[in-house]
C-alpha atoms as a PDB file:
ATOM      1  CA  UNK A   1       3.342  -8.841  39.106  1.00  0.00           C
ATOM      2  CA  UNK A   2       2.007  -7.639  35.513  1.00  0.00           C
ATOM      3  CA  UNK A   3       4.351 -10.036  33.784  1.00  0.00           C
ATOM      4  CA  UNK A   4       2.546 -12.868  36.204  1.00  0.00           C
ATOM      5  CA  UNK A   5      -1.058 -12.253  34.940  1.00  0.00           C
ATOM      6  CA  UNK A   6      -0.210 -11.447  31.536  1.00  0.00           C
ATOM      7  CA  UNK A   7       0.786 -15.113  31.356  1.00  0.00           C
ATOM      8  CA  UNK A   8      -1.024 -16.233  33.090  1.00  0.00           C
ATOM      9  CA  UNK A   9      -3.834 -14.431  31.078  1.00  0.00           C
ATOM     10  CA  UNK A  10      -2.371 -15.880  27.987  1.00  0.00           C
ATOM     11  CA  UNK A  11      -2.087 -19.114  29.063  1.00  0.00           C
ATOM     12  CA  UNK A  12      -5.402 -18.247  29.645  1.00  0.00           C
ATOM     13  CA  UNK A  13      -6.481 -17.343  26.445  1.00  0.00           C
ATOM     14  CA  UNK A  14      -4.798 -20.144  25.210  1.00  0.00           C
ATOM     15  CA  UNK A  15      -7.262 -22.760  26.803  1.00  0.00           C
ATOM     16  CA  UNK A  16      -9.500 -21.226  26.448  1.00  0.00           C
ATOM     17  CA  UNK A  17      -8.780 -21.826  22.102  1.00  0.00           C
ATOM     18  CA  UNK A  18      -8.604 -24.922  21.884  1.00  0.00           C
ATOM     19  CA  UNK A  19     -11.243 -26.218  23.978  1.00  0.00           C
ATOM     20  CA  UNK A  20     -13.445 -24.097  22.516  1.00  0.00           C
ATOM     21  CA  UNK A  21     -12.340 -25.295  19.019  1.00  0.00           C
ATOM     22  CA  UNK A  22     -12.776 -28.553  19.501  1.00  0.00           C
ATOM     23  CA  UNK A  23     -16.710 -28.734  21.224  1.00  0.00           C
ATOM     24  CA  UNK A  24     -17.047 -26.574  18.112  1.00  0.00           C
ATOM     25  CA  UNK A  25     -15.425 -28.854  15.472  1.00  0.00           C
ATOM     26  CA  UNK A  26     -16.792 -31.908  17.436  1.00  0.00           C
ATOM     27  CA  UNK A  27     -20.917 -31.564  18.020  1.00  0.00           C
ATOM     28  CA  UNK A  28     -19.721 -30.590  13.520  1.00  0.00           C
ATOM     29  CA  UNK A  29     -18.618 -34.050  13.754  1.00  0.00           C
ATOM     30  CA  UNK A  30     -21.362 -35.560  15.477  1.00  0.00           C
ATOM     31  CA  UNK A  31     -23.588 -34.046  13.153  1.00  0.00           C
ATOM     32  CA  UNK A  32     -21.736 -35.082  10.331  1.00  0.00           C
ATOM     33  CA  UNK A  33     -21.931 -38.342  11.323  1.00  0.00           C
ATOM     34  CA  UNK A  34     -25.642 -38.504  11.650  1.00  0.00           C
ATOM     35  CA  UNK A  35     -26.098 -36.741   9.019  1.00  0.00           C
ATOM     36  CA  UNK A  36     -27.453 -40.568   7.197  1.00  0.00           C
ATOM     37  CA  UNK A  37     -29.556 -41.073   9.798  1.00  0.00           C
ATOM     38  CA  UNK A  38     -31.481 -37.925   8.480  1.00  0.00           C
ATOM     39  CA  UNK A  39     -31.363 -37.941   5.026  1.00  0.00           C
ATOM     40  CA  UNK A  40     -32.393 -42.399   4.243  1.00  0.00           C
ATOM     41  CA  UNK A  41     -28.513 -42.714   3.770  1.00  0.00           C
ATOM     42  CA  UNK A  42     -26.761 -45.798   4.750  1.00  0.00           C
ATOM     43  CA  UNK A  43     -24.664 -46.059   7.856  1.00  0.00           C
ATOM     44  CA  UNK A  44     -21.415 -46.967   7.440  1.00  0.00           C
ATOM     45  CA  UNK A  45     -20.067 -49.668   9.963  1.00  0.00           C
ATOM     46  CA  UNK A  46     -17.402 -47.678  11.694  1.00  0.00           C
ATOM     47  CA  UNK A  47     -19.796 -44.373  12.778  1.00  0.00           C
ATOM     48  CA  UNK A  48     -20.500 -45.769  15.543  1.00  0.00           C
ATOM     49  CA  UNK A  49     -17.171 -46.288  17.433  1.00  0.00           C
ATOM     50  CA  UNK A  50     -16.749 -42.206  15.290  1.00  0.00           C
ATOM     51  CA  UNK A  51     -19.064 -40.952  17.456  1.00  0.00           C
ATOM     52  CA  UNK A  52     -17.722 -43.049  20.515  1.00  0.00           C
ATOM     53  CA  UNK A  53     -14.719 -40.936  20.223  1.00  0.00           C
ATOM     54  CA  UNK A  54     -16.367 -37.786  19.187  1.00  0.00           C
ATOM     55  CA  UNK A  55     -17.955 -38.059  23.333  1.00  0.00           C
ATOM     56  CA  UNK A  56     -14.753 -38.957  24.526  1.00  0.00           C
ATOM     57  CA  UNK A  57     -13.299 -36.049  22.432  1.00  0.00           C
ATOM     58  CA  UNK A  58     -15.713 -34.085  23.770  1.00  0.00           C
ATOM     59  CA  UNK A  59     -16.259 -35.560  27.616  1.00  0.00           C
ATOM     60  CA  UNK A  60     -12.070 -34.577  28.009  1.00  0.00           C
ATOM     61  CA  UNK A  61     -12.235 -30.755  27.156  1.00  0.00           C
ATOM     62  CA  UNK A  62     -15.142 -30.588  29.468  1.00  0.00           C
ATOM     63  CA  UNK A  63     -13.418 -31.986  32.263  1.00  0.00           C
ATOM     64  CA  UNK A  64     -10.331 -31.165  31.176  1.00  0.00           C
ATOM     65  CA  UNK A  65     -10.339 -27.551  29.518  1.00  0.00           C
ATOM     66  CA  UNK A  66     -13.786 -26.151  30.752  1.00  0.00           C
ATOM     67  CA  UNK A  67     -12.269 -26.325  34.432  1.00  0.00           C
ATOM     68  CA  UNK A  68      -8.150 -25.639  33.535  1.00  0.00           C
ATOM     69  CA  UNK A  69      -9.630 -22.654  31.986  1.00  0.00           C
ATOM     70  CA  UNK A  70     -11.124 -21.089  34.501  1.00  0.00           C
ATOM     71  CA  UNK A  71      -8.797 -21.865  36.974  1.00  0.00           C
ATOM     72  CA  UNK A  72      -6.290 -20.518  35.190  1.00  0.00           C
ATOM     73  CA  UNK A  73      -8.364 -17.132  34.852  1.00  0.00           C
ATOM     74  CA  UNK A  74      -8.238 -17.165  39.029  1.00  0.00           C
ATOM     75  CA  UNK A  75     -11.292 -19.608  39.858  1.00  0.00           C
ATOM     76  CA  UNK A  76      -9.541 -22.693  41.515  1.00  0.00           C
ATOM     77  CA  UNK A  77     -11.982 -23.150  44.464  1.00  0.00           C
ATOM     78  CA  UNK A  78     -15.017 -24.139  42.723  1.00  0.00           C
ATOM     79  CA  UNK A  79     -15.523 -27.712  42.420  1.00  0.00           C
ATOM     80  CA  UNK A  80     -15.853 -29.010  45.614  1.00  0.00           C
ATOM     81  CA  UNK A  81     -14.544 -32.465  46.651  1.00  0.00           C
ATOM     82  CA  UNK A  82     -18.154 -34.024  44.959  1.00  0.00           C
ATOM     83  CA  UNK A  83     -17.451 -32.118  41.618  1.00  0.00           C
ATOM     84  CA  UNK A  84     -13.721 -33.198  41.596  1.00  0.00           C
ATOM     85  CA  UNK A  85     -14.260 -36.491  41.889  1.00  0.00           C
ATOM     86  CA  UNK A  86     -16.841 -36.180  38.971  1.00  0.00           C
ATOM     87  CA  UNK A  87     -14.528 -34.360  36.461  1.00  0.00           C
ATOM     88  CA  UNK A  88     -11.639 -36.324  37.658  1.00  0.00           C
ATOM     89  CA  UNK A  89     -13.274 -39.894  36.888  1.00  0.00           C
ATOM     90  CA  UNK A  90     -15.216 -39.041  33.793  1.00  0.00           C
ATOM     91  CA  UNK A  91     -11.335 -37.469  32.580  1.00  0.00           C
ATOM     92  CA  UNK A  92      -9.898 -40.848  33.386  1.00  0.00           C
ATOM     93  CA  UNK A  93     -12.493 -43.012  31.640  1.00  0.00           C
ATOM     94  CA  UNK A  94     -12.675 -40.563  28.768  1.00  0.00           C
ATOM     95  CA  UNK A  95      -8.844 -40.792  28.099  1.00  0.00           C
ATOM     96  CA  UNK A  96      -9.232 -44.053  28.525  1.00  0.00           C
ATOM     97  CA  UNK A  97     -12.009 -44.887  26.050  1.00  0.00           C
ATOM     98  CA  UNK A  98     -10.246 -42.082  23.733  1.00  0.00           C
ATOM     99  CA  UNK A  99      -7.316 -44.152  23.684  1.00  0.00           C
ATOM    100  CA  UNK A 100      -9.905 -47.914  23.203  1.00  0.00           C
ATOM    101  CA  UNK A 101     -11.400 -46.376  20.315  1.00  0.00           C
ATOM    102  CA  UNK A 102      -8.940 -45.204  18.412  1.00  0.00           C
ATOM    103  CA  UNK A 103      -7.103 -48.477  18.933  1.00  0.00           C
ATOM    104  CA  UNK A 104     -10.859 -50.434  17.724  1.00  0.00           C
ATOM    105  CA  UNK A 105     -10.993 -48.419  14.511  1.00  0.00           C
ATOM    106  CA  UNK A 106      -7.449 -48.844  13.146  1.00  0.00           C
ATOM    107  CA  UNK A 107      -7.700 -52.120  14.390  1.00  0.00           C
ATOM    108  CA  UNK A 108     -11.151 -52.150  11.633  1.00  0.00           C
ATOM    109  CA  UNK A 109      -9.523 -50.223   9.254  1.00  0.00           C
ATOM    110  CA  UNK A 110      -7.001 -52.910   8.811  1.00  0.00           C
ATOM    111  CA  UNK A 111      -9.143 -55.470   8.549  1.00  0.00           C
ATOM    112  CA  UNK A 112     -11.629 -54.046   6.090  1.00  0.00           C
ATOM    113  CA  UNK A 113      -7.621 -53.400   3.571  1.00  0.00           C
ATOM    114  CA  UNK A 114      -6.883 -57.085   4.521  1.00  0.00           C
ATOM    115  CA  UNK A 115      -7.137 -59.706   1.054  1.00  0.00           C
ATOM    116  CA  UNK A 116     -10.442 -60.779   0.408  1.00  0.00           C
ATOM    117  CA  UNK A 117      -9.816 -64.563   1.370  1.00  0.00           C
ATOM    118  CA  UNK A 118     -11.717 -66.809   3.634  1.00  0.00           C
ATOM    119  CA  UNK A 119     -10.191 -66.473   6.823  1.00  0.00           C
ATOM    120  CA  UNK A 120     -10.472 -62.578   6.782  1.00  0.00           C
ATOM    121  CA  UNK A 121     -13.364 -61.873   5.288  1.00  0.00           C
ATOM    122  CA  UNK A 122     -15.443 -63.562   8.131  1.00  0.00           C
ATOM    123  CA  UNK A 123     -13.535 -61.979  10.696  1.00  0.00           C
ATOM    124  CA  UNK A 124     -14.614 -58.683   8.257  1.00  0.00           C
ATOM    125  CA  UNK A 125     -18.490 -59.974   9.233  1.00  0.00           C
ATOM    126  CA  UNK A 126     -17.640 -60.797  12.789  1.00  0.00           C
ATOM    127  CA  UNK A 127     -15.962 -57.513  12.929  1.00  0.00           C
ATOM    128  CA  UNK A 128     -18.861 -55.081  11.812  1.00  0.00           C
ATOM    129  CA  UNK A 129     -20.565 -57.460  13.597  1.00  0.00           C
ATOM    130  CA  UNK A 130     -19.663 -57.390  17.141  1.00  0.00           C
ATOM    131  CA  UNK A 131     -19.134 -53.366  16.906  1.00  0.00           C
ATOM    132  CA  UNK A 132     -21.582 -51.673  19.283  1.00  0.00           C
ATOM    133  CA  UNK A 133     -20.909 -55.055  22.053  1.00  0.00           C
ATOM    134  CA  UNK A 134     -16.611 -54.092  21.720  1.00  0.00           C
ATOM    135  CA  UNK A 135     -17.740 -49.695  22.334  1.00  0.00           C
ATOM    136  CA  UNK A 136     -19.998 -51.350  25.255  1.00  0.00           C
ATOM    137  CA  UNK A 137     -16.740 -52.898  26.282  1.00  0.00           C
ATOM    138  CA  UNK A 138     -13.895 -50.557  25.892  1.00  0.00           C
ATOM    139  CA  UNK A 139     -16.443 -47.900  28.782  1.00  0.00           C
ATOM    140  CA  UNK A 140     -17.292 -50.763  31.255  1.00  0.00           C
ATOM    141  CA  UNK A 141     -14.290 -51.734  31.080  1.00  0.00           C
ATOM    142  CA  UNK A 142     -12.619 -48.168  31.723  1.00  0.00           C
ATOM    143  CA  UNK A 143     -15.560 -46.874  34.089  1.00  0.00           C
ATOM    144  CA  UNK A 144     -14.310 -50.183  36.614  1.00  0.00           C
ATOM    145  CA  UNK A 145     -10.678 -49.494  36.148  1.00  0.00           C
ATOM    146  CA  UNK A 146     -10.966 -46.101  37.291  1.00  0.00           C
ATOM    147  CA  UNK A 147     -13.106 -46.508  40.318  1.00  0.00           C
ATOM    148  CA  UNK A 148      -9.463 -45.345  43.096  1.00  0.00           C
ATOM    149  CA  UNK A 149      -9.463 -41.879  40.828  1.00  0.00           C
ATOM    150  CA  UNK A 150     -12.869 -41.016  43.466  1.00  0.00           C
ATOM    151  CA  UNK A 151     -11.442 -42.487  46.528  1.00  0.00           C
ATOM    152  CA  UNK A 152      -8.227 -40.017  46.652  1.00  0.00           C
ATOM    153  CA  UNK A 153     -10.300 -37.158  44.452  1.00  0.00           C
ATOM    154  CA  UNK A 154     -11.231 -34.085  46.131  1.00  0.00           C
ATOM    155  CA  UNK A 155     -10.216 -29.960  46.190  1.00  0.00           C
ATOM    156  CA  UNK A 156      -6.995 -28.292  46.043  1.00  0.00           C
ATOM    157  CA  UNK A 157      -4.378 -27.968  48.673  1.00  0.00           C
ATOM    158  CA  UNK A 158      -2.977 -25.379  48.988  1.00  0.00           C
ATOM    159  CA  UNK A 159      -3.979 -23.494  46.176  1.00  0.00           C
ATOM    160  CA  UNK A 160      -2.595 -20.358  46.811  1.00  0.00           C
ATOM    161  CA  UNK A 161       1.008 -21.611  47.388  1.00  0.00           C
ATOM    162  CA  UNK A 162       0.481 -22.879  43.750  1.00  0.00           C
ATOM    163  CA  UNK A 163      -1.090 -20.167  42.094  1.00  0.00           C
ATOM    164  CA  UNK A 164       1.537 -17.828  43.779  1.00  0.00           C
ATOM    165  CA  UNK A 165       3.712 -20.065  41.336  1.00  0.00           C
ATOM    166  CA  UNK A 166       1.698 -20.056  38.210  1.00  0.00           C
ATOM    167  CA  UNK A 167       0.497 -23.484  39.069  1.00  0.00           C
ATOM    168  CA  UNK A 168      -3.510 -23.775  38.698  1.00  0.00           C
ATOM    169  CA  UNK A 169      -4.925 -26.946  39.871  1.00  0.00           C
ATOM    170  CA  UNK A 170      -9.057 -26.843  40.313  1.00  0.00           C
ATOM    171  CA  UNK A 171      -8.134 -30.726  42.058  1.00  0.00           C
ATOM    172  CA  UNK A 172      -6.301 -32.849  44.525  1.00  0.00           C
ATOM    173  CA  UNK A 173      -5.141 -36.038  44.109  1.00  0.00           C
ATOM    174  CA  UNK A 174      -3.936 -37.404  47.096  1.00  0.00           C
ATOM    175  CA  UNK A 175      -1.768 -41.372  46.544  1.00  0.00           C
ATOM    176  CA  UNK A 176      -2.384 -44.204  46.940  1.00  0.00           C
ATOM    177  CA  UNK A 177      -0.854 -46.461  49.595  1.00  0.00           C
ATOM    178  CA  UNK A 178       2.141 -48.671  47.271  1.00  0.00           C
ATOM    179  CA  UNK A 179       0.584 -51.887  47.121  1.00  0.00           C
ATOM    180  CA  UNK A 180      -2.039 -50.694  45.580  1.00  0.00           C
ATOM    181  CA  UNK A 181      -1.032 -48.370  43.373  1.00  0.00           C
ATOM    182  CA  UNK A 182       1.103 -50.725  42.076  1.00  0.00           C
ATOM    183  CA  UNK A 183      -1.336 -53.115  41.067  1.00  0.00           C
ATOM    184  CA  UNK A 184      -3.523 -50.590  39.787  1.00  0.00           C
ATOM    185  CA  UNK A 185      -0.724 -48.970  37.548  1.00  0.00           C
ATOM    186  CA  UNK A 186       0.245 -52.349  36.545  1.00  0.00           C
ATOM    187  CA  UNK A 187      -3.213 -52.984  34.947  1.00  0.00           C
ATOM    188  CA  UNK A 188      -3.737 -49.565  33.622  1.00  0.00           C
ATOM    189  CA  UNK A 189      -0.656 -50.139  32.535  1.00  0.00           C
ATOM    190  CA  UNK A 190      -1.346 -53.578  30.861  1.00  0.00           C
ATOM    191  CA  UNK A 191      -4.139 -51.769  29.358  1.00  0.00           C
ATOM    192  CA  UNK A 192      -2.525 -48.748  27.761  1.00  0.00           C
ATOM    193  CA  UNK A 193      -0.118 -51.590  25.944  1.00  0.00           C
ATOM    194  CA  UNK A 194      -2.509 -53.367  24.520  1.00  0.00           C
ATOM    195  CA  UNK A 195      -4.077 -50.398  23.196  1.00  0.00           C
ATOM    196  CA  UNK A 196      -0.770 -49.552  21.853  1.00  0.00           C
ATOM    197  CA  UNK A 197      -0.700 -53.186  20.028  1.00  0.00           C
ATOM    198  CA  UNK A 198      -3.551 -52.922  18.408  1.00  0.00           C
ATOM    199  CA  UNK A 199      -2.908 -49.296  17.157  1.00  0.00           C
ATOM    200  CA  UNK A 200       1.080 -50.440  15.769  1.00  0.00           C
ATOM    201  CA  UNK A 201       0.019 -53.928  13.854  1.00  0.00           C
ATOM    202  CA  UNK A 202      -2.849 -51.652  12.578  1.00  0.00           C
ATOM    203  CA  UNK A 203      -0.649 -48.890  12.067  1.00  0.00           C
ATOM    204  CA  UNK A 204       2.623 -51.335  10.206  1.00  0.00           C
ATOM    205  CA  UNK A 205      -0.470 -53.429   7.998  1.00  0.00           C
ATOM    206  CA  UNK A 206      -1.853 -50.153   6.648  1.00  0.00           C
ATOM    207  CA  UNK A 207       1.134 -48.480   5.685  1.00  0.00           C
ATOM    208  CA  UNK A 208       2.078 -51.788   4.187  1.00  0.00           C
ATOM    209  CA  UNK A 209      -1.223 -51.703   1.896  1.00  0.00           C
ATOM    210  CA  UNK A 210      -0.734 -48.341   0.917  1.00  0.00           C
ATOM    211  CA  UNK A 211       2.733 -49.290  -0.419  1.00  0.00           C
ATOM    212  CA  UNK A 212       1.448 -52.277  -2.032  1.00  0.00           C
ATOM    213  CA  UNK A 213      -1.285 -50.331  -3.316  1.00  0.00           C
ATOM    214  CA  UNK A 214       1.254 -47.084  -4.096  1.00  0.00           C
ATOM    215  CA  UNK A 215       3.111 -49.791  -6.602  1.00  0.00           C
ATOM    216  CA  UNK A 216      -0.672 -50.727  -8.298  1.00  0.00           C
ATOM    217  CA  UNK A 217      -0.343 -47.104  -9.511  1.00  0.00           C
ATOM    218  CA  UNK A 218       2.549 -46.495 -10.276  1.00  0.00           C
ATOM    219  CA  UNK A 219       2.326 -49.433 -13.059  1.00  0.00           C
ATOM    220  CA  UNK A 220      -1.221 -48.472 -13.939  1.00  0.00           C
ATOM    221  CA  UNK A 221       0.334 -44.548 -14.405  1.00  0.00           C
ATOM    222  CA  UNK A 222       3.175 -46.090 -16.588  1.00  0.00           C
ATOM    223  CA  UNK A 223       0.518 -47.313 -18.938  1.00  0.00           C
ATOM    224  CA  UNK A 224      -1.028 -44.034 -19.394  1.00  0.00           C
ATOM    225  CA  UNK A 225      -4.897 -44.369 -16.817  1.00  0.00           C
ATOM    226  CA  UNK A 226      -5.239 -41.758 -14.397  1.00  0.00           C
ATOM    227  CA  UNK A 227      -7.390 -43.231 -11.600  1.00  0.00           C
ATOM    228  CA  UNK A 228      -8.430 -41.454  -8.901  1.00  0.00           C
ATOM    229  CA  UNK A 229      -7.849 -42.789  -4.652  1.00  0.00           C
ATOM    230  CA  UNK A 230     -10.042 -45.112  -3.420  1.00  0.00           C
ATOM    231  CA  UNK A 231     -13.188 -44.489  -0.444  1.00  0.00           C
ATOM    232  CA  UNK A 232     -10.764 -46.567   1.812  1.00  0.00           C
ATOM    233  CA  UNK A 233      -7.214 -45.128   0.763  1.00  0.00           C
ATOM    234  CA  UNK A 234      -8.230 -41.654   1.523  1.00  0.00           C
ATOM    235  CA  UNK A 235     -10.033 -43.753   4.978  1.00  0.00           C
ATOM    236  CA  UNK A 236      -6.877 -45.713   5.563  1.00  0.00           C
ATOM    237  CA  UNK A 237      -4.329 -42.214   5.476  1.00  0.00           C
ATOM    238  CA  UNK A 238      -7.019 -40.328   7.662  1.00  0.00           C
ATOM    239  CA  UNK A 239      -7.146 -43.100  10.425  1.00  0.00           C
ATOM    240  CA  UNK A 240      -2.908 -43.455  10.326  1.00  0.00           C
ATOM    241  CA  UNK A 241      -3.421 -39.014  10.794  1.00  0.00           C
ATOM    242  CA  UNK A 242      -4.818 -39.858  12.790  1.00  0.00           C
ATOM    243  CA  UNK A 243      -3.028 -42.506  15.218  1.00  0.00           C
ATOM    244  CA  UNK A 244       0.418 -40.516  14.639  1.00  0.00           C
ATOM    245  CA  UNK A 245      -1.401 -37.346  16.098  1.00  0.00           C
ATOM    246  CA  UNK A 246      -2.982 -40.252  19.371  1.00  0.00           C
ATOM    247  CA  UNK A 247       0.701 -41.580  19.702  1.00  0.00           C
ATOM    248  CA  UNK A 248       2.410 -38.021  19.839  1.00  0.00           C
ATOM    249  CA  UNK A 249       0.265 -35.926  22.031  1.00  0.00           C
ATOM    250  CA  UNK A 250      -0.302 -39.307  23.811  1.00  0.00           C
ATOM    251  CA  UNK A 251       3.925 -39.643  24.725  1.00  0.00           C
ATOM    252  CA  UNK A 252       4.979 -36.502  25.019  1.00  0.00           C
ATOM    253  CA  UNK A 253       2.035 -35.996  27.871  1.00  0.00           C
ATOM    254  CA  UNK A 254       3.018 -38.824  29.794  1.00  0.00           C
ATOM    255  CA  UNK A 255       6.632 -37.706  29.701  1.00  0.00           C
ATOM    256  CA  UNK A 256       6.233 -34.398  30.847  1.00  0.00           C
ATOM    257  CA  UNK A 257       3.444 -35.714  33.615  1.00  0.00           C
ATOM    258  CA  UNK A 258       5.535 -38.321  35.247  1.00  0.00           C
ATOM    259  CA  UNK A 259       8.586 -35.010  34.555  1.00  0.00           C
ATOM    260  CA  UNK A 260       6.161 -33.735  37.362  1.00  0.00           C
ATOM    261  CA  UNK A 261       5.812 -35.816  39.125  1.00  0.00           C
ATOM    262  CA  UNK A 262       9.777 -36.473  39.034  1.00  0.00           C
ATOM    263  CA  UNK A 263      10.152 -31.977  40.225  1.00  0.00           C
ATOM    264  CA  UNK A 264       9.654 -30.767  43.973  1.00  0.00           C
ATOM    265  CA  UNK A 265       8.401 -28.028  42.627  1.00  0.00           C
ATOM    266  CA  UNK A 266       7.565 -28.213  38.732  1.00  0.00           C
ATOM    267  CA  UNK A 267       7.646 -24.774  36.645  1.00  0.00           C
ATOM    268  CA  UNK A 268       4.109 -23.340  35.568  1.00  0.00           C
ATOM    269  CA  UNK A 269       5.777 -23.577  31.904  1.00  0.00           C
ATOM    270  CA  UNK A 270       5.614 -27.535  32.579  1.00  0.00           C
ATOM    271  CA  UNK A 271       2.560 -27.836  34.366  1.00  0.00           C
ATOM    272  CA  UNK A 272       0.599 -26.071  31.505  1.00  0.00           C
ATOM    273  CA  UNK A 273       2.008 -27.649  28.567  1.00  0.00           C
ATOM    274  CA  UNK A 274       1.541 -30.541  29.769  1.00  0.00           C
ATOM    275  CA  UNK A 275      -2.234 -29.766  30.171  1.00  0.00           C
ATOM    276  CA  UNK A 276      -2.253 -28.389  26.144  1.00  0.00           C
ATOM    277  CA  UNK A 277      -1.170 -31.260  25.582  1.00  0.00           C
ATOM    278  CA  UNK A 278      -2.957 -33.727  26.545  1.00  0.00           C
ATOM    279  CA  UNK A 279      -6.220 -31.177  24.761  1.00  0.00           C
ATOM    280  CA  UNK A 280      -4.636 -31.991  21.678  1.00  0.00           C
ATOM    281  CA  UNK A 281      -6.131 -34.575  20.635  1.00  0.00           C
ATOM    282  CA  UNK A 282      -9.260 -33.761  21.465  1.00  0.00           C
ATOM    283  CA  UNK A 283      -9.122 -30.813  19.955  1.00  0.00           C
ATOM    284  CA  UNK A 284      -7.378 -31.531  16.854  1.00  0.00           C
ATOM    285  CA  UNK A 285      -8.490 -34.642  15.957  1.00  0.00           C
ATOM    286  CA  UNK A 286     -12.246 -33.538  14.816  1.00  0.00           C
ATOM    287  CA  UNK A 287     -10.014 -30.767  12.120  1.00  0.00           C
ATOM    288  CA  UNK A 288      -8.406 -34.335  10.827  1.00  0.00           C
ATOM    289  CA  UNK A 289     -11.774 -35.714   9.981  1.00  0.00           C
ATOM    290  CA  UNK A 290     -13.057 -32.494   8.177  1.00  0.00           C
ATOM    291  CA  UNK A 291     -11.139 -31.666   5.928  1.00  0.00           C
ATOM    292  CA  UNK A 292     -10.278 -35.728   4.768  1.00  0.00           C
ATOM    293  CA  UNK A 293     -14.326 -36.128   4.405  1.00  0.00           C
ATOM    294  CA  UNK A 294     -16.225 -36.042   1.177  1.00  0.00           C
ATOM    295  CA  UNK A 295     -19.025 -35.525   2.687  1.00  0.00           C
ATOM    296  CA  UNK A 296     -18.657 -32.590   4.382  1.00  0.00           C
ATOM    297  CA  UNK A 297     -19.177 -30.396   0.921  1.00  0.00           C
ATOM    298  CA  UNK A 298     -22.680 -31.978   0.867  1.00  0.00           C
ATOM    299  CA  UNK A 299     -23.235 -32.408   4.409  1.00  0.00           C
ATOM    300  CA  UNK A 300     -23.117 -27.491   3.981  1.00  0.00           C
ATOM    301  CA  UNK A 301     -24.966 -28.458   0.940  1.00  0.00           C
ATOM    302  CA  UNK A 302     -27.371 -29.547   2.821  1.00  0.00           C
ATOM    303  CA  UNK A 303     -27.876 -27.123   5.809  1.00  0.00           C
ATOM    304  CA  UNK A 304     -27.900 -24.581   2.881  1.00  0.00           C
ATOM    305  CA  UNK A 305     -30.434 -25.481   0.817  1.00  0.00           C
ATOM    306  CA  UNK A 306     -32.863 -25.812   4.317  1.00  0.00           C
ATOM    307  CA  UNK A 307     -31.838 -22.985   5.187  1.00  0.00           C
ATOM    308  CA  UNK A 308     -32.665 -21.310   2.466  1.00  0.00           C
ATOM    309  CA  UNK A 309     -36.018 -22.925   2.094  1.00  0.00           C
ATOM    310  CA  UNK A 310     -37.529 -21.947   5.477  1.00  0.00           C
ATOM    311  CA  UNK A 311     -39.990 -20.807   5.419  1.00  0.00           C
ATOM    312  CA  UNK A 312     -39.650 -16.687   6.701  1.00  0.00           C
ATOM    313  CA  UNK A 313     -41.201 -15.426   9.475  1.00  0.00           C
ATOM    314  CA  UNK A 314     -43.679 -12.339   8.420  1.00  0.00           C
ATOM    315  CA  UNK A 315     -44.268 -10.211  11.490  1.00  0.00           C
ATOM    316  CA  UNK A 316     -47.630  -9.435  13.129  1.00  0.00           C
ATOM    317  CA  UNK A 317     -46.774  -5.373  13.839  1.00  0.00           C
END
């Protein structure tokens, strides 16, 4: 019994640390991307996409990280049926928006790196003009595609039995009829496949561009010059790391989720590891952006200057 409680506390602390770190990092990133609005600086077109990614990360952490942490510490029936419908719906929508936003970001960056021919230049202008429309369509599509979640979601069933096995479920979801389940699965899979194909094309395109740039840099080095990496090269490497992270966490979490559905009595380790991996991308991706963003020192310096210049409060007593 004591060993089981200790393991539960360890998983709870892991969920708590991952969720808290992710929320704080995403808050920092949100302020960083909106910093130009308060300093009269030019706002990059990709800032809207990045803000949407930060928002979807927040929703995933709030709709899955926090409830799972609370459930792991022993409180499983705290949402009720309406709360479960809302939480599961928001989680599925946020997951879909995160996937489509990552593909949108990688596709936009790949278009920016293409040669300055008339066709690619016009596509670059069009893509910059309709970024807001694309972001709106991401939300609309996911809100509609995941409406079926609210029909079968509810409060957890057999929560005592599950807790006794070390599996903490704060909500439950019944299976749809076979035909409905098949149609829904096909539609959602097609949506995911389209996003993954865009990511694959964009990643391949960016890798080729970076390879050509590396050869050009080696040629310049042979002529005794020392060029500095451009902003676009740095942004491209960041997005490639981001896409690699997303595909890794997404693939592993999906495989383990499928394994759970095919297992009569899934182990606590399998269930909790799946949850931990599903929270990996929204929790860790803001750190990738922060470490590779040249504006972070400027942002921190501005905050420190503002704090230092704040007038001291004088006590009346």
